[in-house]
Amino acid sequence: RSVYTWGYGTYGQLGHGTNTNLVVRKQVIEGGQRKPRRVDSLPNNVIAIACGGRHTASLTRDGQVLAWGDKTWSQAPGPEPQVLATSASVVRCGRYSTLVIDSQGTASLFGVLAPICAPTFAADDPDAANMVVPKQTEVVATHVTDAALGEAHGLLLQKDGSLWGWGYNAYGQALGKVSGTSTVIRTPGPLD
């Protein structure tokens, strides 16, 4: 399967090796609509794709995760698709992160759920200054079958069917309830 991208590409998230935009307007021309551009450097065995805030990742049939785009928080290696992980079964992207679940159920995070300067934090929020510093790879959990990443939080579906969350939790989005002690949940925990 081939991957095609279009739209905003200032951070290299389109995968064409450049930081330029490819705006495809919906125009009817002879033979159909104008088509998005193929990402030629990707193999033809891509089975899944995920888009983040300014980066993109793909999963191949043989378990490779290739990522490209903004590398500010280590969520991707740059504007050219490059191998981020192997032996993967799931890939998900958040605004500033890429999460990979390997074939053994280990979930690894590339980047951060929310950087210190995330626009979701008010300037006077005491937790904004205490966000986790970016890491190239951080194992966040084991026994994981699926995941979802939001603006600044993540959810993990465990093999036993339980749902775990972590990240920014001011509105209960990470744990299903508002925490009385902190708006930042640093380690995944079960939802109530």
N, C-alpha and C. Protein backbone atom coordinates (compact mmCIF):
# COMPACT_ATOMS: atom_id res chain seq x y z
N ARG A 1 0.84 -1.19 0.00
CA ARG A 1 0.00 0.00 0.00
C ARG A 1 0.87 1.24 0.00
N SER A 2 0.48 2.21 -0.72
CA SER A 2 1.21 3.47 -0.78
C SER A 2 0.58 4.48 0.16
N VAL A 3 1.40 5.43 0.61
CA VAL A 3 0.94 6.50 1.49
C VAL A 3 1.00 7.80 0.72
N TYR A 4 -0.08 8.57 0.78
CA TYR A 4 -0.15 9.87 0.14
C TYR A 4 -0.40 10.94 1.20
N THR A 5 0.23 12.09 1.05
CA THR A 5 0.04 13.18 2.00
C THR A 5 -0.23 14.48 1.25
N TRP A 6 -0.86 15.39 1.96
CA TRP A 6 -1.11 16.72 1.43
C TRP A 6 -1.39 17.67 2.57
N GLY A 7 -1.35 18.95 2.30
CA GLY A 7 -1.69 19.95 3.31
C GLY A 7 -0.50 20.71 3.84
N TYR A 8 -0.53 21.03 5.12
CA TYR A 8 0.47 21.84 5.80
C TYR A 8 1.73 21.01 6.03
N GLY A 9 2.88 21.49 5.54
CA GLY A 9 4.10 20.70 5.64
C GLY A 9 5.31 21.44 6.15
N THR A 10 5.11 22.53 6.84
CA THR A 10 6.21 23.38 7.29
C THR A 10 7.20 22.64 8.19
N TYR A 11 6.79 21.61 8.90
CA TYR A 11 7.67 20.88 9.81
C TYR A 11 8.13 19.55 9.22
N GLY A 12 7.91 19.33 7.94
CA GLY A 12 8.32 18.09 7.30
C GLY A 12 7.37 16.94 7.50
N GLN A 13 6.18 17.21 8.03
CA GLN A 13 5.23 16.13 8.35
C GLN A 13 4.61 15.46 7.13
N LEU A 14 4.86 15.98 5.94
CA LEU A 14 4.32 15.35 4.74
C LEU A 14 5.20 14.20 4.25
N GLY A 15 6.47 14.16 4.69
CA GLY A 15 7.35 13.05 4.37
C GLY A 15 8.04 13.13 3.02
N HIS A 16 8.11 14.31 2.43
CA HIS A 16 8.75 14.46 1.13
C HIS A 16 10.17 15.01 1.24
N GLY A 17 10.69 15.08 2.46
CA GLY A 17 12.05 15.55 2.65
C GLY A 17 12.22 17.05 2.67
N THR A 18 11.11 17.77 2.61
CA THR A 18 11.17 19.22 2.61
C THR A 18 10.22 19.77 3.67
N ASN A 19 10.36 21.03 3.94
CA ASN A 19 9.47 21.72 4.87
C ASN A 19 8.58 22.68 4.10
N THR A 20 7.87 22.16 3.11
CA THR A 20 6.99 23.00 2.31
C THR A 20 5.56 22.48 2.37
N ASN A 21 4.63 23.34 2.01
CA ASN A 21 3.22 23.00 2.04
C ASN A 21 2.78 22.44 0.69
N LEU A 22 1.88 21.47 0.72
CA LEU A 22 1.24 20.94 -0.49
C LEU A 22 -0.26 21.09 -0.31
N VAL A 23 -0.77 22.19 -0.75
CA VAL A 23 -2.19 22.43 -0.60
C VAL A 23 -2.90 21.89 -1.83
N VAL A 24 -3.79 20.96 -1.60
CA VAL A 24 -4.56 20.36 -2.69
C VAL A 24 -5.98 20.88 -2.57
N ARG A 25 -6.37 21.67 -3.51
CA ARG A 25 -7.73 22.21 -3.51
C ARG A 25 -8.66 21.20 -4.19
N LYS A 26 -9.87 21.14 -3.72
CA LYS A 26 -10.85 20.20 -4.27
C LYS A 26 -11.38 20.79 -5.57
N GLN A 27 -10.72 20.46 -6.64
CA GLN A 27 -11.13 20.92 -7.95
C GLN A 27 -11.42 19.72 -8.84
N VAL A 28 -12.49 19.77 -9.59
CA VAL A 28 -12.78 18.71 -10.52
C VAL A 28 -12.07 19.05 -11.83
N ILE A 29 -11.18 18.15 -12.24
CA ILE A 29 -10.49 18.33 -13.51
C ILE A 29 -10.77 17.09 -14.35
N GLU A 30 -10.41 17.14 -15.62
CA GLU A 30 -10.67 16.01 -16.50
C GLU A 30 -10.03 14.75 -15.91
N GLY A 31 -10.77 13.69 -15.75
CA GLY A 31 -10.26 12.45 -15.20
C GLY A 31 -10.45 12.33 -13.70
N GLY A 32 -11.04 13.30 -13.03
CA GLY A 32 -11.29 13.21 -11.60
C GLY A 32 -10.70 14.38 -10.83
N GLN A 33 -10.50 14.19 -9.54
CA GLN A 33 -9.97 15.24 -8.69
C GLN A 33 -8.44 15.20 -8.66
N ARG A 34 -7.83 16.33 -8.34
CA ARG A 34 -6.39 16.41 -8.17
C ARG A 34 -5.97 15.49 -7.02
N LYS A 35 -4.90 14.70 -7.18
CA LYS A 35 -4.51 13.70 -6.19
C LYS A 35 -3.39 14.21 -5.28
N PRO A 36 -3.40 13.79 -4.01
CA PRO A 36 -2.29 14.09 -3.10
C PRO A 36 -1.00 13.42 -3.60
N ARG A 37 0.14 13.84 -3.04
CA ARG A 37 1.45 13.34 -3.48
C ARG A 37 1.87 12.10 -2.68
N ARG A 38 2.38 11.10 -3.40
CA ARG A 38 2.85 9.85 -2.79
C ARG A 38 4.15 10.09 -2.02
N VAL A 39 4.28 9.44 -0.86
CA VAL A 39 5.53 9.49 -0.09
C VAL A 39 6.40 8.37 -0.65
N ASP A 40 7.28 8.72 -1.59
CA ASP A 40 8.07 7.74 -2.34
C ASP A 40 9.07 6.97 -1.49
N SER A 41 9.54 7.56 -0.40
CA SER A 41 10.58 6.90 0.40
C SER A 41 10.03 5.84 1.36
N LEU A 42 8.71 5.66 1.39
CA LEU A 42 8.12 4.61 2.24
C LEU A 42 8.00 3.30 1.47
N PRO A 43 8.14 2.17 2.18
CA PRO A 43 7.93 0.88 1.51
C PRO A 43 6.45 0.72 1.16
N ASN A 44 6.16 -0.26 0.31
CA ASN A 44 4.78 -0.51 -0.13
C ASN A 44 4.01 -1.42 0.80
N ASN A 45 4.53 -1.71 2.00
CA ASN A 45 3.83 -2.62 2.91
C ASN A 45 3.30 -1.92 4.16
N VAL A 46 2.94 -0.64 4.02
CA VAL A 46 2.40 0.12 5.14
C VAL A 46 0.97 -0.36 5.41
N ILE A 47 0.68 -0.66 6.71
CA ILE A 47 -0.65 -1.15 7.08
C ILE A 47 -1.41 -0.19 7.99
N ALA A 48 -0.70 0.81 8.54
CA ALA A 48 -1.35 1.79 9.42
C ALA A 48 -0.59 3.11 9.36
N ILE A 49 -1.30 4.18 9.62
CA ILE A 49 -0.72 5.52 9.61
C ILE A 49 -1.31 6.31 10.77
N ALA A 50 -0.51 7.21 11.34
CA ALA A 50 -0.98 8.06 12.44
C ALA A 50 -0.42 9.47 12.23
N CYS A 51 -1.24 10.46 12.50
CA CYS A 51 -0.82 11.86 12.34
C CYS A 51 -0.82 12.56 13.69
N GLY A 52 0.27 13.26 13.98
CA GLY A 52 0.38 14.04 15.20
C GLY A 52 0.22 15.52 14.90
N GLY A 53 0.62 16.35 15.83
CA GLY A 53 0.50 17.79 15.65
C GLY A 53 1.32 18.30 14.48
N ARG A 54 2.58 17.87 14.41
CA ARG A 54 3.47 18.30 13.34
C ARG A 54 4.35 17.15 12.88
N HIS A 55 3.89 15.93 13.02
CA HIS A 55 4.64 14.77 12.59
C HIS A 55 3.68 13.65 12.18
N THR A 56 4.24 12.63 11.52
CA THR A 56 3.45 11.52 11.02
C THR A 56 4.24 10.24 11.25
N ALA A 57 3.55 9.13 11.43
CA ALA A 57 4.21 7.84 11.59
C ALA A 57 3.43 6.77 10.83
N SER A 58 4.14 5.75 10.37
CA SER A 58 3.49 4.64 9.68
C SER A 58 4.01 3.33 10.26
N LEU A 59 3.19 2.30 10.12
CA LEU A 59 3.53 0.96 10.58
C LEU A 59 3.51 0.04 9.36
N THR A 60 4.59 -0.75 9.20
CA THR A 60 4.66 -1.67 8.08
C THR A 60 4.22 -3.07 8.52
N ARG A 61 3.93 -3.90 7.54
CA ARG A 61 3.48 -5.26 7.80
C ARG A 61 4.50 -6.05 8.62
N ASP A 62 5.79 -5.74 8.45
CA ASP A 62 6.84 -6.46 9.19
C ASP A 62 7.19 -5.80 10.53
N GLY A 63 6.40 -4.83 10.99
CA GLY A 63 6.56 -4.27 12.32
C GLY A 63 7.46 -3.05 12.45
N GLN A 64 7.90 -2.48 11.35
CA GLN A 64 8.70 -1.26 11.43
C GLN A 64 7.80 -0.05 11.58
N VAL A 65 8.20 0.87 12.46
CA VAL A 65 7.54 2.17 12.54
C VAL A 65 8.49 3.18 11.91
N LEU A 66 8.01 3.85 10.88
CA LEU A 66 8.76 4.94 10.26
C LEU A 66 8.05 6.23 10.63
N ALA A 67 8.82 7.23 11.03
CA ALA A 67 8.23 8.51 11.43
C ALA A 67 8.97 9.64 10.74
N TRP A 68 8.27 10.78 10.62
CA TRP A 68 8.88 11.95 10.01
C TRP A 68 8.15 13.20 10.47
N GLY A 69 8.85 14.33 10.39
CA GLY A 69 8.26 15.61 10.78
C GLY A 69 9.01 16.27 11.90
N ASP A 70 8.33 17.11 12.66
CA ASP A 70 8.92 17.90 13.73
C ASP A 70 9.62 17.01 14.75
N LYS A 71 10.88 17.34 15.05
CA LYS A 71 11.65 16.54 16.02
C LYS A 71 11.95 17.32 17.29
N THR A 72 11.26 18.42 17.52
CA THR A 72 11.52 19.26 18.69
C THR A 72 11.50 18.48 19.99
N TRP A 73 10.55 17.57 20.14
CA TRP A 73 10.41 16.80 21.39
C TRP A 73 10.77 15.34 21.20
N SER A 74 11.53 15.02 20.15
CA SER A 74 11.98 13.66 19.83
C SER A 74 10.83 12.75 19.42
N GLN A 75 9.72 13.31 18.96
CA GLN A 75 8.59 12.50 18.52
C GLN A 75 8.78 11.93 17.12
N ALA A 76 9.71 12.50 16.35
CA ALA A 76 10.02 12.05 15.00
C ALA A 76 11.47 12.43 14.70
N PRO A 77 12.11 11.74 13.75
CA PRO A 77 13.53 12.02 13.47
C PRO A 77 13.81 13.17 12.51
N GLY A 78 12.82 13.75 11.86
CA GLY A 78 13.04 14.85 10.91
C GLY A 78 12.15 14.70 9.69
N PRO A 79 12.38 15.49 8.63
CA PRO A 79 11.46 15.53 7.49
C PRO A 79 11.47 14.31 6.56
N GLU A 80 12.47 13.45 6.68
CA GLU A 80 12.52 12.22 5.88
C GLU A 80 12.03 11.05 6.71
N PRO A 81 11.20 10.16 6.18
CA PRO A 81 10.79 8.97 6.94
C PRO A 81 12.01 8.15 7.35
N GLN A 82 12.11 7.85 8.65
CA GLN A 82 13.19 7.05 9.20
C GLN A 82 12.61 6.06 10.21
N VAL A 83 13.33 4.95 10.39
CA VAL A 83 12.86 3.93 11.33
C VAL A 83 12.95 4.46 12.75
N LEU A 84 11.82 4.40 13.44
CA LEU A 84 11.74 4.83 14.83
C LEU A 84 11.73 3.62 15.75
N ALA A 85 11.14 2.51 15.30
CA ALA A 85 11.04 1.30 16.12
C ALA A 85 10.84 0.09 15.22
N THR A 86 11.12 -1.08 15.77
CA THR A 86 10.89 -2.34 15.06
C THR A 86 10.06 -3.26 15.96
N SER A 87 9.57 -4.33 15.42
CA SER A 87 8.74 -5.31 16.14
C SER A 87 7.48 -4.67 16.72
N ALA A 88 6.93 -3.69 16.04
CA ALA A 88 5.74 -2.98 16.52
C ALA A 88 4.47 -3.61 15.98
N SER A 89 3.39 -3.44 16.74
CA SER A 89 2.08 -3.89 16.27
C SER A 89 1.07 -2.73 16.21
N VAL A 90 1.37 -1.62 16.91
CA VAL A 90 0.48 -0.45 16.94
C VAL A 90 1.33 0.81 16.96
N VAL A 91 0.87 1.85 16.27
CA VAL A 91 1.50 3.17 16.37
C VAL A 91 0.39 4.22 16.50
N ARG A 92 0.60 5.17 17.40
CA ARG A 92 -0.34 6.27 17.61
C ARG A 92 0.46 7.56 17.77
N CYS A 93 -0.12 8.66 17.35
CA CYS A 93 0.54 9.96 17.51
C CYS A 93 -0.34 10.91 18.31
N GLY A 94 0.30 11.67 19.18
CA GLY A 94 -0.33 12.77 19.88
C GLY A 94 0.23 14.06 19.32
N ARG A 95 -0.07 15.16 19.93
CA ARG A 95 0.43 16.42 19.40
C ARG A 95 1.95 16.50 19.43
N TYR A 96 2.57 16.03 20.51
CA TYR A 96 4.02 16.12 20.68
C TYR A 96 4.67 14.75 20.86
N SER A 97 3.99 13.68 20.54
CA SER A 97 4.53 12.35 20.85
C SER A 97 4.10 11.30 19.84
N THR A 98 4.89 10.21 19.83
CA THR A 98 4.57 9.01 19.08
C THR A 98 4.63 7.86 20.07
N LEU A 99 3.59 7.04 20.10
CA LEU A 99 3.55 5.88 20.99
C LEU A 99 3.58 4.63 20.13
N VAL A 100 4.47 3.72 20.50
CA VAL A 100 4.62 2.46 19.77
C VAL A 100 4.35 1.31 20.74
N ILE A 101 3.50 0.38 20.34
CA ILE A 101 3.27 -0.83 21.12
C ILE A 101 3.93 -1.97 20.34
N ASP A 102 4.85 -2.68 21.00
CA ASP A 102 5.54 -3.76 20.30
C ASP A 102 4.73 -5.05 20.36
N SER A 103 5.24 -6.08 19.71
CA SER A 103 4.50 -7.34 19.61
C SER A 103 4.34 -8.04 20.96
N GLN A 104 5.10 -7.64 21.98
CA GLN A 104 4.98 -8.20 23.33
C GLN A 104 4.04 -7.39 24.22
N GLY A 105 3.52 -6.27 23.71
CA GLY A 105 2.60 -5.44 24.48
C GLY A 105 3.27 -4.34 25.29
N THR A 106 4.53 -4.03 25.00
CA THR A 106 5.24 -2.94 25.68
C THR A 106 4.98 -1.64 24.92
N ALA A 107 4.50 -0.63 25.64
CA ALA A 107 4.23 0.68 25.04
C ALA A 107 5.39 1.62 25.33
N SER A 108 5.98 2.17 24.27
CA SER A 108 7.10 3.11 24.39
C SER A 108 6.69 4.45 23.82
N LEU A 109 7.05 5.51 24.53
CA LEU A 109 6.70 6.87 24.11
C LEU A 109 7.93 7.58 23.59
N PHE A 110 7.81 8.15 22.41
CA PHE A 110 8.84 9.01 21.82
C PHE A 110 8.30 10.42 21.91
N GLY A 111 9.02 11.34 22.54
CA GLY A 111 8.54 12.69 22.74
C GLY A 111 7.91 12.83 24.12
N VAL A 112 6.99 13.76 24.25
CA VAL A 112 6.31 14.01 25.53
C VAL A 112 4.82 14.18 25.28
N LEU A 113 4.02 13.89 26.29
CA LEU A 113 2.58 14.12 26.15
C LEU A 113 2.28 15.60 26.03
N ALA A 114 3.01 16.44 26.80
CA ALA A 114 2.82 17.89 26.74
C ALA A 114 4.10 18.58 27.18
N PRO A 115 4.71 19.38 26.33
CA PRO A 115 5.90 20.12 26.75
C PRO A 115 5.55 21.25 27.71
N ILE A 116 6.56 21.75 28.36
CA ILE A 116 6.36 22.83 29.33
C ILE A 116 5.62 24.02 28.72
N CYS A 117 5.89 24.30 27.48
CA CYS A 117 5.30 25.49 26.84
C CYS A 117 3.99 25.18 26.12
N ALA A 118 3.38 24.05 26.41
CA ALA A 118 2.14 23.68 25.72
C ALA A 118 1.08 24.76 25.89
N PRO A 119 0.40 25.13 24.81
CA PRO A 119 -0.61 26.19 24.90
C PRO A 119 -1.82 25.83 25.76
N THR A 120 -1.96 24.55 26.14
CA THR A 120 -3.09 24.15 26.97
C THR A 120 -2.92 24.57 28.43
N PHE A 121 -1.72 24.99 28.81
CA PHE A 121 -1.46 25.38 30.19
C PHE A 121 -1.57 26.89 30.34
N ALA A 122 -2.22 27.33 31.39
CA ALA A 122 -2.24 28.75 31.73
C ALA A 122 -0.87 29.12 32.30
N ALA A 123 -0.45 30.35 32.11
CA ALA A 123 0.86 30.80 32.57
C ALA A 123 1.03 30.62 34.07
N ASP A 124 -0.05 30.71 34.83
CA ASP A 124 0.05 30.59 36.28
C ASP A 124 -0.20 29.17 36.80
N ASP A 125 -0.33 28.18 35.91
CA ASP A 125 -0.56 26.80 36.32
C ASP A 125 0.73 26.23 36.90
N PRO A 126 0.77 25.87 38.19
CA PRO A 126 2.00 25.38 38.79
C PRO A 126 2.51 24.08 38.18
N ASP A 127 1.62 23.27 37.60
CA ASP A 127 2.06 22.02 37.01
C ASP A 127 2.76 22.20 35.66
N ALA A 128 2.54 23.33 35.00
CA ALA A 128 3.16 23.56 33.71
C ALA A 128 4.68 23.56 33.82
N ALA A 129 5.21 24.10 34.90
CA ALA A 129 6.67 24.16 35.09
C ALA A 129 7.25 22.81 35.49
N ASN A 130 6.43 21.85 35.85
CA ASN A 130 6.92 20.56 36.33
C ASN A 130 6.71 19.41 35.34
N MET A 131 6.39 19.71 34.11
CA MET A 131 6.16 18.65 33.13
C MET A 131 7.41 17.83 32.93
N VAL A 132 7.23 16.60 32.55
CA VAL A 132 8.34 15.69 32.33
C VAL A 132 9.21 16.22 31.18
N VAL A 133 10.52 16.21 31.38
CA VAL A 133 11.43 16.65 30.32
C VAL A 133 11.42 15.62 29.21
N PRO A 134 11.63 16.05 27.95
CA PRO A 134 11.54 15.11 26.84
C PRO A 134 12.59 14.01 26.92
N LYS A 135 12.18 12.81 26.51
CA LYS A 135 13.08 11.66 26.45
C LYS A 135 12.93 11.05 25.07
N GLN A 136 14.01 10.51 24.56
CA GLN A 136 13.95 9.87 23.25
C GLN A 136 12.97 8.70 23.26
N THR A 137 13.07 7.83 24.25
CA THR A 137 12.16 6.70 24.39
C THR A 137 11.91 6.47 25.87
N GLU A 138 10.66 6.28 26.23
CA GLU A 138 10.30 5.99 27.60
C GLU A 138 9.28 4.86 27.56
N VAL A 139 9.57 3.76 28.24
CA VAL A 139 8.60 2.68 28.34
C VAL A 139 7.55 3.11 29.35
N VAL A 140 6.30 3.21 28.92
CA VAL A 140 5.25 3.71 29.80
C VAL A 140 4.41 2.60 30.41
N ALA A 141 4.34 1.43 29.79
CA ALA A 141 3.54 0.34 30.33
C ALA A 141 3.81 -0.95 29.57
N THR A 142 3.42 -2.06 30.18
CA THR A 142 3.48 -3.37 29.51
C THR A 142 2.06 -3.95 29.49
N HIS A 143 1.88 -5.02 28.75
CA HIS A 143 0.59 -5.70 28.62
C HIS A 143 -0.47 -4.79 27.97
N VAL A 144 -0.04 -4.01 26.97
CA VAL A 144 -0.92 -3.05 26.30
C VAL A 144 -1.33 -3.61 24.94
N THR A 145 -2.61 -3.45 24.58
CA THR A 145 -3.08 -3.90 23.26
C THR A 145 -3.41 -2.75 22.32
N ASP A 146 -3.77 -1.58 22.88
CA ASP A 146 -4.09 -0.42 22.04
C ASP A 146 -3.91 0.85 22.86
N ALA A 147 -3.96 1.98 22.18
CA ALA A 147 -3.75 3.26 22.86
C ALA A 147 -4.39 4.39 22.07
N ALA A 148 -4.54 5.52 22.74
CA ALA A 148 -4.98 6.76 22.10
C ALA A 148 -4.23 7.89 22.78
N LEU A 149 -3.81 8.87 21.99
CA LEU A 149 -3.11 10.04 22.52
C LEU A 149 -3.90 11.28 22.17
N GLY A 150 -4.06 12.16 23.15
CA GLY A 150 -4.77 13.42 22.91
C GLY A 150 -3.79 14.58 22.90
N GLU A 151 -4.32 15.76 23.10
CA GLU A 151 -3.51 16.99 23.13
C GLU A 151 -2.39 16.88 24.15
N ALA A 152 -2.68 16.39 25.34
CA ALA A 152 -1.67 16.33 26.40
C ALA A 152 -1.92 15.17 27.36
N HIS A 153 -2.62 14.15 26.90
CA HIS A 153 -2.86 12.98 27.75
C HIS A 153 -2.90 11.72 26.88
N GLY A 154 -2.79 10.57 27.54
CA GLY A 154 -2.82 9.31 26.82
C GLY A 154 -3.65 8.29 27.55
N LEU A 155 -4.20 7.35 26.79
CA LEU A 155 -4.97 6.24 27.34
C LEU A 155 -4.41 4.94 26.78
N LEU A 156 -4.30 3.93 27.64
CA LEU A 156 -3.78 2.63 27.25
C LEU A 156 -4.82 1.56 27.55
N LEU A 157 -5.10 0.71 26.59
CA LEU A 157 -5.99 -0.42 26.80
C LEU A 157 -5.11 -1.62 27.15
N GLN A 158 -5.28 -2.15 28.35
CA GLN A 158 -4.49 -3.26 28.83
C GLN A 158 -5.06 -4.59 28.32
N LYS A 159 -4.25 -5.63 28.30
CA LYS A 159 -4.70 -6.96 27.85
C LYS A 159 -5.86 -7.49 28.67
N ASP A 160 -5.95 -7.07 29.96
CA ASP A 160 -7.05 -7.54 30.81
C ASP A 160 -8.34 -6.73 30.60
N GLY A 161 -8.33 -5.80 29.65
CA GLY A 161 -9.51 -4.99 29.35
C GLY A 161 -9.60 -3.69 30.12
N SER A 162 -8.70 -3.47 31.08
CA SER A 162 -8.74 -2.23 31.85
C SER A 162 -8.15 -1.07 31.03
N LEU A 163 -8.57 0.13 31.36
CA LEU A 163 -8.12 1.34 30.68
C LEU A 163 -7.27 2.15 31.65
N TRP A 164 -6.08 2.52 31.22
CA TRP A 164 -5.15 3.30 32.03
C TRP A 164 -4.90 4.64 31.36
N GLY A 165 -4.70 5.69 32.15
CA GLY A 165 -4.45 7.00 31.60
C GLY A 165 -3.34 7.74 32.32
N TRP A 166 -2.79 8.75 31.64
CA TRP A 166 -1.78 9.60 32.25
C TRP A 166 -1.67 10.89 31.44
N GLY A 167 -0.99 11.88 32.02
CA GLY A 167 -0.81 13.16 31.36
C GLY A 167 -1.57 14.27 32.05
N TYR A 168 -1.91 15.29 31.28
CA TYR A 168 -2.63 16.45 31.81
C TYR A 168 -4.06 16.02 32.16
N ASN A 169 -4.49 16.30 33.39
CA ASN A 169 -5.76 15.76 33.88
C ASN A 169 -6.66 16.82 34.51
N ALA A 170 -6.50 18.07 34.15
CA ALA A 170 -7.28 19.14 34.77
C ALA A 170 -8.78 18.93 34.63
N TYR A 171 -9.21 18.28 33.57
CA TYR A 171 -10.64 18.08 33.33
C TYR A 171 -11.03 16.60 33.43
N GLY A 172 -10.13 15.78 33.98
CA GLY A 172 -10.42 14.36 34.14
C GLY A 172 -10.13 13.53 32.91
N GLN A 173 -9.49 14.10 31.90
CA GLN A 173 -9.28 13.38 30.65
C GLN A 173 -8.29 12.23 30.76
N ALA A 174 -7.37 12.25 31.73
CA ALA A 174 -6.38 11.18 31.85
C ALA A 174 -6.83 10.05 32.78
N LEU A 175 -7.60 10.34 33.81
CA LEU A 175 -8.01 9.31 34.75
C LEU A 175 -9.51 9.14 34.89
N GLY A 176 -10.27 9.88 34.12
CA GLY A 176 -11.72 9.75 34.20
C GLY A 176 -12.33 10.52 35.36
N LYS A 177 -11.49 11.17 36.13
CA LYS A 177 -11.95 12.02 37.24
C LYS A 177 -10.87 13.08 37.48
N VAL A 178 -11.25 14.17 38.06
CA VAL A 178 -10.29 15.23 38.37
C VAL A 178 -9.52 14.82 39.62
N SER A 179 -8.20 14.84 39.52
CA SER A 179 -7.35 14.48 40.65
C SER A 179 -7.32 15.63 41.65
N GLY A 180 -7.38 15.32 42.93
CA GLY A 180 -7.38 16.35 43.96
C GLY A 180 -6.02 16.91 44.27
N THR A 181 -4.95 16.23 43.82
CA THR A 181 -3.61 16.67 44.19
C THR A 181 -2.83 17.33 43.07
N SER A 182 -3.02 16.93 41.84
CA SER A 182 -2.24 17.47 40.73
C SER A 182 -3.04 17.37 39.44
N THR A 183 -2.77 18.28 38.54
CA THR A 183 -3.39 18.19 37.23
C THR A 183 -2.53 17.42 36.25
N VAL A 184 -1.34 16.99 36.66
CA VAL A 184 -0.47 16.20 35.82
C VAL A 184 -0.27 14.83 36.46
N ILE A 185 -0.66 13.78 35.73
CA ILE A 185 -0.48 12.41 36.18
C ILE A 185 0.73 11.89 35.41
N ARG A 186 1.84 11.65 36.09
CA ARG A 186 3.11 11.32 35.43
C ARG A 186 3.26 9.86 35.05
N THR A 187 2.56 8.98 35.70
CA THR A 187 2.67 7.54 35.43
C THR A 187 1.29 6.99 35.11
N PRO A 188 1.16 6.16 34.06
CA PRO A 188 -0.15 5.60 33.75
C PRO A 188 -0.75 4.86 34.94
N GLY A 189 -2.05 5.08 35.15
CA GLY A 189 -2.78 4.41 36.21
C GLY A 189 -4.17 4.07 35.74
N PRO A 190 -4.85 3.15 36.43
CA PRO A 190 -6.19 2.72 36.01
C PRO A 190 -7.24 3.80 36.16
N LEU A 191 -8.16 3.84 35.22
CA LEU A 191 -9.29 4.76 35.33
C LEU A 191 -10.30 4.16 36.30
N ASP A 192 -10.97 5.02 37.02
CA ASP A 192 -12.00 4.56 37.95
C ASP A 192 -13.31 4.33 37.22
